[in-house]
Protein backbone atom coordinates (compact mmCIF):
# COMPACT_ATOMS: atom_id res chain seq x y z
CA MET A 1 7.74 -25.75 0.88
CA THR A 2 7.35 -24.86 4.72
CA GLN A 3 10.61 -24.67 6.70
CA ILE A 4 14.01 -22.46 5.82
CA PRO A 5 17.05 -24.67 4.93
CA GLU A 6 19.55 -24.49 7.31
CA PHE A 7 22.24 -22.84 5.85
CA LEU A 8 20.27 -19.77 5.67
CA LYS A 9 20.29 -19.71 9.37
CA PRO A 10 22.99 -16.87 9.93
CA TYR A 11 20.66 -14.30 7.69
CA PHE A 12 18.24 -14.54 10.72
CA TRP A 13 20.24 -13.97 13.47
CA GLU A 14 17.60 -11.83 15.54
CA ILE A 15 14.95 -14.14 15.34
CA ASP A 16 14.13 -17.94 16.55
CA PHE A 17 15.03 -19.59 13.29
CA ALA A 18 13.33 -23.22 13.91
CA SER A 19 9.97 -21.13 13.87
CA LEU A 20 10.60 -19.72 10.85
CA ARG A 21 8.15 -20.88 8.27
CA LEU A 22 6.96 -20.46 4.49
CA PRO A 23 4.59 -19.05 3.09
CA GLU A 24 3.66 -16.75 6.01
CA LYS A 25 7.15 -15.12 6.15
CA GLN A 26 7.72 -15.06 2.72
CA THR A 27 8.39 -11.32 1.92
CA TYR A 28 10.70 -11.28 5.22
CA VAL A 29 12.70 -14.35 3.83
CA ILE A 30 13.17 -12.79 0.31
CA GLU A 31 14.11 -9.62 1.59
CA ARG A 32 16.79 -11.08 3.79
CA VAL A 33 18.34 -13.32 1.11
CA LEU A 34 18.22 -10.51 -1.26
CA GLU A 35 19.82 -8.07 1.15
CA TYR A 36 22.75 -10.63 3.04
CA GLY A 37 22.90 -13.74 0.64
CA ASN A 38 25.51 -15.18 -0.90
CA ASP A 39 25.42 -17.05 -3.93
CA GLN A 40 24.26 -20.39 -2.59
CA ALA A 41 21.51 -18.47 -0.83
CA ILE A 42 20.65 -16.47 -4.20
CA ARG A 43 20.42 -19.71 -6.10
CA TRP A 44 18.00 -21.49 -3.36
CA LEU A 45 15.89 -18.27 -3.73
CA LYS A 46 15.55 -18.57 -7.60
CA ALA A 47 14.56 -21.94 -7.28
CA ASN A 48 12.04 -21.67 -4.59
CA PHE A 49 10.45 -18.62 -5.67
CA THR A 50 8.89 -17.33 -8.89
CA HIS A 51 11.13 -14.53 -10.71
CA GLU A 52 7.67 -12.11 -10.29
CA THR A 53 7.40 -13.26 -6.74
CA ILE A 54 11.24 -11.89 -5.86
CA ALA A 55 10.35 -8.96 -8.60
CA ALA A 56 7.38 -7.96 -6.21
CA VAL A 57 9.36 -7.80 -3.23
CA VAL A 58 11.91 -5.57 -4.76
CA ARG A 59 9.40 -3.09 -5.83
CA HIS A 60 7.38 -2.59 -2.77
CA SER A 61 9.75 -3.32 0.06
CA ARG A 62 11.08 -0.66 2.05
CA ARG A 63 13.08 -2.91 4.41
CA ILE A 64 15.90 -3.80 1.72
CA SER A 65 18.83 -0.83 0.91
CA ARG A 66 18.69 1.37 -1.67
CA ASN A 67 22.00 -0.57 -2.85
CA THR A 68 20.21 -3.86 -2.75
CA ALA A 69 16.93 -2.63 -4.71
CA ASN A 70 19.29 -0.48 -7.34
CA LEU A 71 20.93 -4.25 -8.17
CA TRP A 72 18.16 -6.68 -7.97
CA ALA A 73 15.84 -3.68 -10.31
CA LEU A 74 18.85 -4.21 -12.69
CA VAL A 75 19.37 -7.93 -12.41
CA LEU A 76 15.28 -8.00 -12.85
CA ASN A 77 14.64 -5.47 -15.35
CA ILE A 78 12.35 -3.12 -13.08
CA PRO A 79 12.22 0.09 -13.66
CA LYS A 80 13.52 2.46 -10.84
CA GLU A 81 10.33 4.50 -10.56
CA GLN A 82 8.53 1.24 -9.95
CA VAL A 83 11.07 0.57 -6.67
CA ARG A 84 9.48 1.64 -3.78
CA CYS A 85 12.76 2.52 -1.77
CA PHE A 86 13.52 5.23 -3.98
CA SER A 87 10.48 7.02 -2.97
CA THR A 88 9.95 6.04 0.44
CA PRO A 89 12.38 5.85 3.49
CA SER A 90 12.84 2.43 4.28
CA LEU A 91 12.05 0.73 7.51
CA PRO A 92 14.27 -1.43 9.94
CA MET A 93 14.61 -5.07 9.77
CA PRO A 94 12.46 -6.65 12.49
CA GLY A 95 14.50 -6.76 15.41
CA SER A 96 17.32 -4.45 14.42
CA SER A 97 17.63 -1.18 16.44
């Protein structure tokens, strides 16, 4: 898998979508889909990334919101003390101000 499906383009408004490739931007793509994705986007995420890969992003990301981290920690059965954004301030998404 190298190219992201066109239906995900609205979630990557601040970058050149055509240049977005996997696996180089895997964490960024997972963060965005977890944060903003609809049902179709989440289904795509689950079909293309392992449970472990998604859980690792939830555990280590500082770019997802606390609300998103809380939801996915519950869904993926991750103890809150293992979720970095609960203990470390979040970072802005690339391109946001």
